[in-house]
N, C-alpha and C. Protein backbone atom coordinates (compact mmCIF):
# COMPACT_ATOMS: atom_id res chain seq x y z
N UNK A 1 -13.90 45.59 -26.31
CA UNK A 1 -14.02 44.96 -24.96
C UNK A 1 -13.96 45.99 -23.85
N UNK A 2 -14.78 45.63 -22.83
CA UNK A 2 -14.76 46.44 -21.79
C UNK A 2 -13.81 46.21 -20.83
N UNK A 3 -13.52 47.14 -19.82
CA UNK A 3 -12.50 47.01 -18.94
C UNK A 3 -12.81 45.84 -17.95
N UNK A 4 -14.13 45.65 -17.68
CA UNK A 4 -14.59 44.54 -16.68
C UNK A 4 -14.12 43.15 -17.30
N UNK A 5 -14.33 42.99 -18.56
CA UNK A 5 -13.92 41.78 -19.27
C UNK A 5 -12.37 41.55 -19.14
N UNK A 6 -11.60 42.68 -19.28
CA UNK A 6 -10.27 42.48 -19.46
C UNK A 6 -9.71 42.25 -17.84
N UNK A 7 -10.44 42.68 -16.77
CA UNK A 7 -10.01 42.51 -15.50
C UNK A 7 -10.26 40.97 -15.05
N UNK A 8 -11.40 40.58 -15.65
CA UNK A 8 -11.83 39.13 -15.41
C UNK A 8 -10.75 38.18 -16.13
N UNK A 9 -10.34 38.51 -17.32
CA UNK A 9 -9.53 37.60 -18.00
C UNK A 9 -8.14 37.63 -17.33
N UNK A 10 -7.59 38.78 -16.90
CA UNK A 10 -6.40 38.89 -16.21
C UNK A 10 -6.48 38.12 -14.91
N UNK A 11 -7.74 38.29 -14.11
CA UNK A 11 -7.67 37.44 -12.85
C UNK A 11 -7.74 35.88 -13.09
N UNK A 12 -8.50 35.60 -14.11
CA UNK A 12 -8.45 34.11 -14.50
C UNK A 12 -7.23 33.63 -14.90
N UNK A 13 -6.28 34.48 -15.63
CA UNK A 13 -5.10 34.04 -16.06
C UNK A 13 -4.02 33.84 -14.78
N UNK A 14 -4.16 34.86 -14.00
CA UNK A 14 -3.34 34.66 -12.68
C UNK A 14 -3.55 33.50 -11.90
N UNK A 15 -4.99 33.16 -11.72
CA UNK A 15 -5.47 31.99 -11.00
C UNK A 15 -4.97 30.77 -11.66
N UNK A 16 -5.03 30.62 -12.98
CA UNK A 16 -4.53 29.40 -13.65
C UNK A 16 -3.00 29.31 -13.55
N UNK A 17 -2.34 30.45 -13.68
CA UNK A 17 -0.84 30.52 -13.45
C UNK A 17 -0.47 30.08 -12.00
N UNK A 18 -1.16 30.57 -11.06
CA UNK A 18 -0.90 30.19 -9.64
C UNK A 18 -1.16 28.75 -9.35
N UNK A 19 -2.27 28.06 -9.92
CA UNK A 19 -2.46 26.74 -9.77
C UNK A 19 -1.40 25.83 -10.48
N UNK A 20 -0.92 26.40 -11.68
CA UNK A 20 -0.01 25.62 -12.40
C UNK A 20 1.39 25.55 -11.67
N UNK A 21 1.85 26.64 -11.13
CA UNK A 21 2.98 26.81 -10.45
C UNK A 21 2.93 25.88 -9.05
N UNK A 22 1.78 25.88 -8.47
CA UNK A 22 1.61 25.10 -7.22
C UNK A 22 1.75 23.59 -7.62
N UNK A 23 1.16 23.09 -8.71
CA UNK A 23 1.37 21.73 -9.09
C UNK A 23 2.81 21.40 -9.47
N UNK A 24 3.54 22.28 -10.05
CA UNK A 24 4.96 22.10 -10.38
C UNK A 24 5.81 22.04 -9.22
N UNK A 25 5.40 22.86 -8.06
CA UNK A 25 6.16 22.74 -6.79
C UNK A 25 6.02 21.42 -6.20
N UNK A 26 4.74 20.87 -6.18
CA UNK A 26 4.52 19.61 -5.59
C UNK A 26 5.37 18.60 -6.39
N UNK A 27 5.37 18.68 -7.65
CA UNK A 27 6.09 17.55 -8.48
C UNK A 27 7.62 17.87 -8.30
N UNK A 28 8.18 18.95 -8.06
CA UNK A 28 9.53 19.24 -7.89
C UNK A 28 10.08 18.95 -6.39
N UNK A 29 9.12 18.70 -5.44
CA UNK A 29 9.59 18.46 -4.17
C UNK A 29 10.37 17.14 -4.09
N UNK A 30 11.62 17.01 -3.33
CA UNK A 30 12.31 15.90 -3.28
C UNK A 30 11.49 14.76 -2.57
N UNK A 31 11.80 13.49 -2.82
CA UNK A 31 11.10 12.39 -2.05
C UNK A 31 11.49 12.42 -0.71
N UNK A 32 10.75 11.89 0.18
CA UNK A 32 11.09 11.84 1.67
C UNK A 32 12.38 10.78 1.74
N UNK A 33 13.07 11.28 2.88
CA UNK A 33 14.36 10.33 3.06
C UNK A 33 13.88 9.01 3.59
N UNK A 34 14.63 7.93 3.30
CA UNK A 34 14.15 6.60 3.85
C UNK A 34 14.34 6.50 5.39
N UNK A 35 13.59 5.83 6.02
CA UNK A 35 13.68 5.79 7.43
C UNK A 35 15.10 5.14 7.92
N UNK A 36 15.51 5.50 9.13
CA UNK A 36 16.76 4.84 9.60
C UNK A 36 16.61 3.34 9.76
N UNK A 37 17.66 2.61 9.65
CA UNK A 37 17.62 1.18 9.84
C UNK A 37 17.02 0.77 11.17
N UNK A 38 17.29 1.65 12.18
CA UNK A 38 16.80 1.34 13.53
C UNK A 38 15.08 1.44 13.63
N UNK A 39 14.58 2.16 12.67
CA UNK A 39 13.20 2.23 12.73
C UNK A 39 12.43 1.08 12.12
N UNK A 40 13.16 0.25 11.42
CA UNK A 40 12.41 -0.82 10.73
C UNK A 40 12.14 -1.92 11.70
N UNK A 41 11.02 -2.54 11.56
CA UNK A 41 10.56 -3.62 12.55
C UNK A 41 10.74 -5.00 11.84
N UNK A 42 11.06 -5.87 12.66
CA UNK A 42 11.16 -7.25 12.27
C UNK A 42 9.89 -7.80 12.16
N UNK A 43 9.62 -8.43 11.06
CA UNK A 43 8.51 -9.11 10.77
C UNK A 43 8.66 -10.50 10.18
N UNK A 44 7.85 -11.34 10.17
CA UNK A 44 7.91 -12.62 9.50
C UNK A 44 6.67 -13.01 8.72
N UNK A 45 6.65 -12.53 7.47
CA UNK A 45 5.45 -12.61 6.70
C UNK A 45 5.86 -13.39 5.35
N UNK A 46 4.93 -14.27 4.80
CA UNK A 46 5.22 -14.85 3.61
C UNK A 46 4.03 -14.65 2.75
N UNK A 47 4.39 -14.21 1.47
CA UNK A 47 3.30 -13.96 0.50
C UNK A 47 3.65 -14.84 -0.68
N UNK A 48 2.44 -15.15 -1.42
CA UNK A 48 2.50 -15.77 -2.65
C UNK A 48 1.67 -15.24 -3.81
N UNK A 49 2.12 -15.23 -5.01
CA UNK A 49 1.41 -14.61 -6.05
C UNK A 49 0.34 -15.63 -6.66
N UNK A 50 -0.82 -15.32 -6.68
CA UNK A 50 -1.90 -16.18 -7.17
C UNK A 50 -1.76 -16.53 -8.53
N UNK A 51 -1.11 -15.62 -9.32
CA UNK A 51 -0.94 -15.93 -10.83
C UNK A 51 0.10 -16.87 -11.17
N UNK A 52 1.47 -16.51 -10.66
CA UNK A 52 2.47 -17.26 -11.31
C UNK A 52 3.07 -18.16 -10.00
N UNK A 53 2.72 -17.99 -8.77
CA UNK A 53 3.11 -18.81 -7.80
C UNK A 53 4.54 -18.43 -7.09
N UNK A 54 5.08 -17.17 -7.35
CA UNK A 54 6.14 -16.60 -6.81
C UNK A 54 5.96 -16.44 -5.23
N UNK A 55 6.95 -16.82 -4.37
CA UNK A 55 6.84 -16.66 -2.97
C UNK A 55 7.89 -15.58 -2.65
N UNK A 56 7.38 -14.78 -1.62
CA UNK A 56 8.24 -13.78 -1.04
C UNK A 56 8.26 -13.80 0.54
N UNK A 57 9.38 -13.82 1.14
CA UNK A 57 9.32 -13.69 2.69
C UNK A 57 9.84 -12.34 3.02
N UNK A 58 9.03 -11.65 3.75
CA UNK A 58 9.22 -10.36 4.30
C UNK A 58 9.82 -10.47 5.68
N UNK A 59 11.01 -9.96 5.95
CA UNK A 59 11.72 -9.97 7.21
C UNK A 59 11.67 -8.65 8.01
N UNK A 60 11.74 -7.58 7.34
CA UNK A 60 11.49 -6.14 8.04
C UNK A 60 10.65 -5.22 7.19
N UNK A 61 10.08 -4.44 8.09
CA UNK A 61 9.14 -3.51 7.39
C UNK A 61 8.88 -2.26 8.23
N UNK A 62 8.47 -1.16 7.58
CA UNK A 62 8.22 0.10 8.46
C UNK A 62 7.17 -0.04 9.33
N UNK A 63 6.13 -0.87 9.13
CA UNK A 63 4.87 -1.14 9.89
C UNK A 63 4.86 -2.45 10.49
N UNK A 64 4.10 -2.65 11.47
CA UNK A 64 3.97 -4.09 12.04
C UNK A 64 3.02 -4.86 11.11
N UNK A 65 2.05 -4.33 10.30
CA UNK A 65 1.26 -5.10 9.29
C UNK A 65 1.22 -4.34 7.99
N UNK A 66 2.30 -4.41 7.30
CA UNK A 66 2.53 -3.66 5.96
C UNK A 66 1.57 -4.21 4.95
N UNK A 67 1.27 -3.22 3.94
CA UNK A 67 0.57 -3.69 2.77
C UNK A 67 1.13 -4.82 2.05
N UNK A 68 0.40 -5.68 1.45
CA UNK A 68 1.04 -6.79 0.72
C UNK A 68 1.76 -6.24 -0.53
N UNK A 69 2.90 -6.95 -0.85
CA UNK A 69 3.61 -6.48 -2.16
C UNK A 69 2.71 -6.86 -3.39
N UNK A 70 3.15 -6.19 -4.59
CA UNK A 70 2.42 -6.42 -5.79
C UNK A 70 3.36 -7.21 -6.75
N UNK A 71 2.72 -8.06 -7.44
CA UNK A 71 3.49 -8.99 -8.38
C UNK A 71 2.43 -9.42 -9.50
N UNK A 72 2.82 -9.45 -10.65
CA UNK A 72 2.01 -9.69 -11.87
C UNK A 72 0.73 -8.89 -11.88
N UNK A 73 1.00 -7.53 -11.61
CA UNK A 73 -0.12 -6.50 -11.60
C UNK A 73 -1.16 -6.79 -10.70
N UNK A 74 -0.91 -7.54 -9.53
CA UNK A 74 -1.98 -7.96 -8.56
C UNK A 74 -1.24 -8.01 -7.18
N UNK A 75 -2.12 -7.88 -6.07
CA UNK A 75 -1.58 -8.02 -4.79
C UNK A 75 -1.36 -9.37 -4.41
N UNK A 76 -0.33 -9.69 -3.64
CA UNK A 76 0.12 -11.02 -3.31
C UNK A 76 -0.78 -11.38 -2.12
N UNK A 77 -1.06 -12.70 -1.89
CA UNK A 77 -1.77 -13.22 -0.75
C UNK A 77 -0.85 -13.77 0.22
N UNK A 78 -1.32 -13.63 1.51
CA UNK A 78 -0.52 -14.05 2.67
C UNK A 78 -0.61 -15.65 2.70
N UNK A 79 0.55 -16.31 2.96
CA UNK A 79 0.57 -17.84 3.10
C UNK A 79 0.28 -18.13 4.48
N UNK A 80 -0.07 -19.30 4.68
CA UNK A 80 -0.23 -19.90 6.07
C UNK A 80 1.01 -20.15 6.69
N UNK A 81 2.12 -20.11 6.02
CA UNK A 81 3.40 -20.54 6.65
C UNK A 81 3.90 -19.55 7.73
N UNK A 82 3.39 -18.40 7.68
CA UNK A 82 3.75 -17.34 8.72
C UNK A 82 3.14 -17.76 10.09
N UNK A 83 2.14 -18.44 10.11
CA UNK A 83 1.57 -18.82 11.46
C UNK A 83 2.26 -20.13 12.02
N UNK A 84 2.89 -20.89 11.23
CA UNK A 84 3.54 -22.07 11.62
C UNK A 84 2.53 -23.26 11.93
N UNK A 85 1.43 -23.18 11.18
CA UNK A 85 0.47 -24.22 11.40
C UNK A 85 0.30 -24.88 10.00
N UNK A 86 -0.02 -26.23 10.13
CA UNK A 86 -0.41 -26.92 8.82
C UNK A 86 -1.86 -27.03 8.61
N UNK A 87 -2.68 -26.72 9.58
CA UNK A 87 -4.15 -26.74 9.31
C UNK A 87 -4.82 -26.86 10.65
N UNK A 88 -6.10 -26.52 10.70
CA UNK A 88 -6.93 -26.73 11.92
C UNK A 88 -8.16 -27.49 11.40
N UNK A 89 -8.55 -28.59 12.23
CA UNK A 89 -9.65 -29.32 11.96
C UNK A 89 -10.73 -28.91 13.04
N UNK A 90 -11.91 -28.51 12.66
CA UNK A 90 -12.85 -27.99 13.66
C UNK A 90 -14.10 -28.97 13.40
N UNK A 91 -14.05 -30.09 12.99
CA UNK A 91 -15.16 -30.84 12.86
C UNK A 91 -15.68 -31.49 14.32
N UNK A 92 -17.02 -31.77 14.49
CA UNK A 92 -17.44 -32.21 15.66
C UNK A 92 -16.80 -33.54 16.10
N UNK A 93 -16.51 -34.40 15.14
CA UNK A 93 -16.00 -35.68 15.66
C UNK A 93 -14.40 -35.54 16.10
N UNK A 94 -13.80 -34.39 15.82
CA UNK A 94 -12.52 -34.13 16.43
C UNK A 94 -12.45 -33.43 17.71
N UNK A 95 -13.66 -33.06 18.19
CA UNK A 95 -13.99 -32.42 19.49
C UNK A 95 -14.65 -33.24 20.52
N UNK A 96 -14.59 -34.64 20.25
CA UNK A 96 -15.24 -35.50 21.08
C UNK A 96 -16.72 -35.25 21.32
N UNK A 97 -17.47 -34.87 20.31
CA UNK A 97 -18.88 -34.57 20.38
C UNK A 97 -19.66 -35.49 19.41
N UNK A 98 -20.60 -36.15 20.05
CA UNK A 98 -21.38 -37.03 19.26
C UNK A 98 -22.79 -36.59 19.18
N UNK A 99 -23.25 -35.95 18.02
CA UNK A 99 -24.58 -35.38 18.08
C UNK A 99 -25.80 -36.40 18.19
N UNK A 100 -25.54 -37.78 18.00
CA UNK A 100 -26.58 -38.79 18.04
C UNK A 100 -26.58 -39.41 19.41
């Protein structure tokens, strides 16, 4: 073996060692601290699982529009209850419009 091949092998080994240690440092870092209770925002959101029908009411969150929770390995859908409406009818006959 030539000296060039030995130097390339040593350099490759050092690069692999450095990358491995970098990955281990990332995994060993402690998780971030939870936010202070004063930083949580009041929200009023209702979610429903489309698979089993479980309902969740979210009252506080870190963001104003948080990501939906997951249940049954799928994201839950927002319910209409958070708007406080039962439905909206937009038909022409409900708007005093007669097309004839």
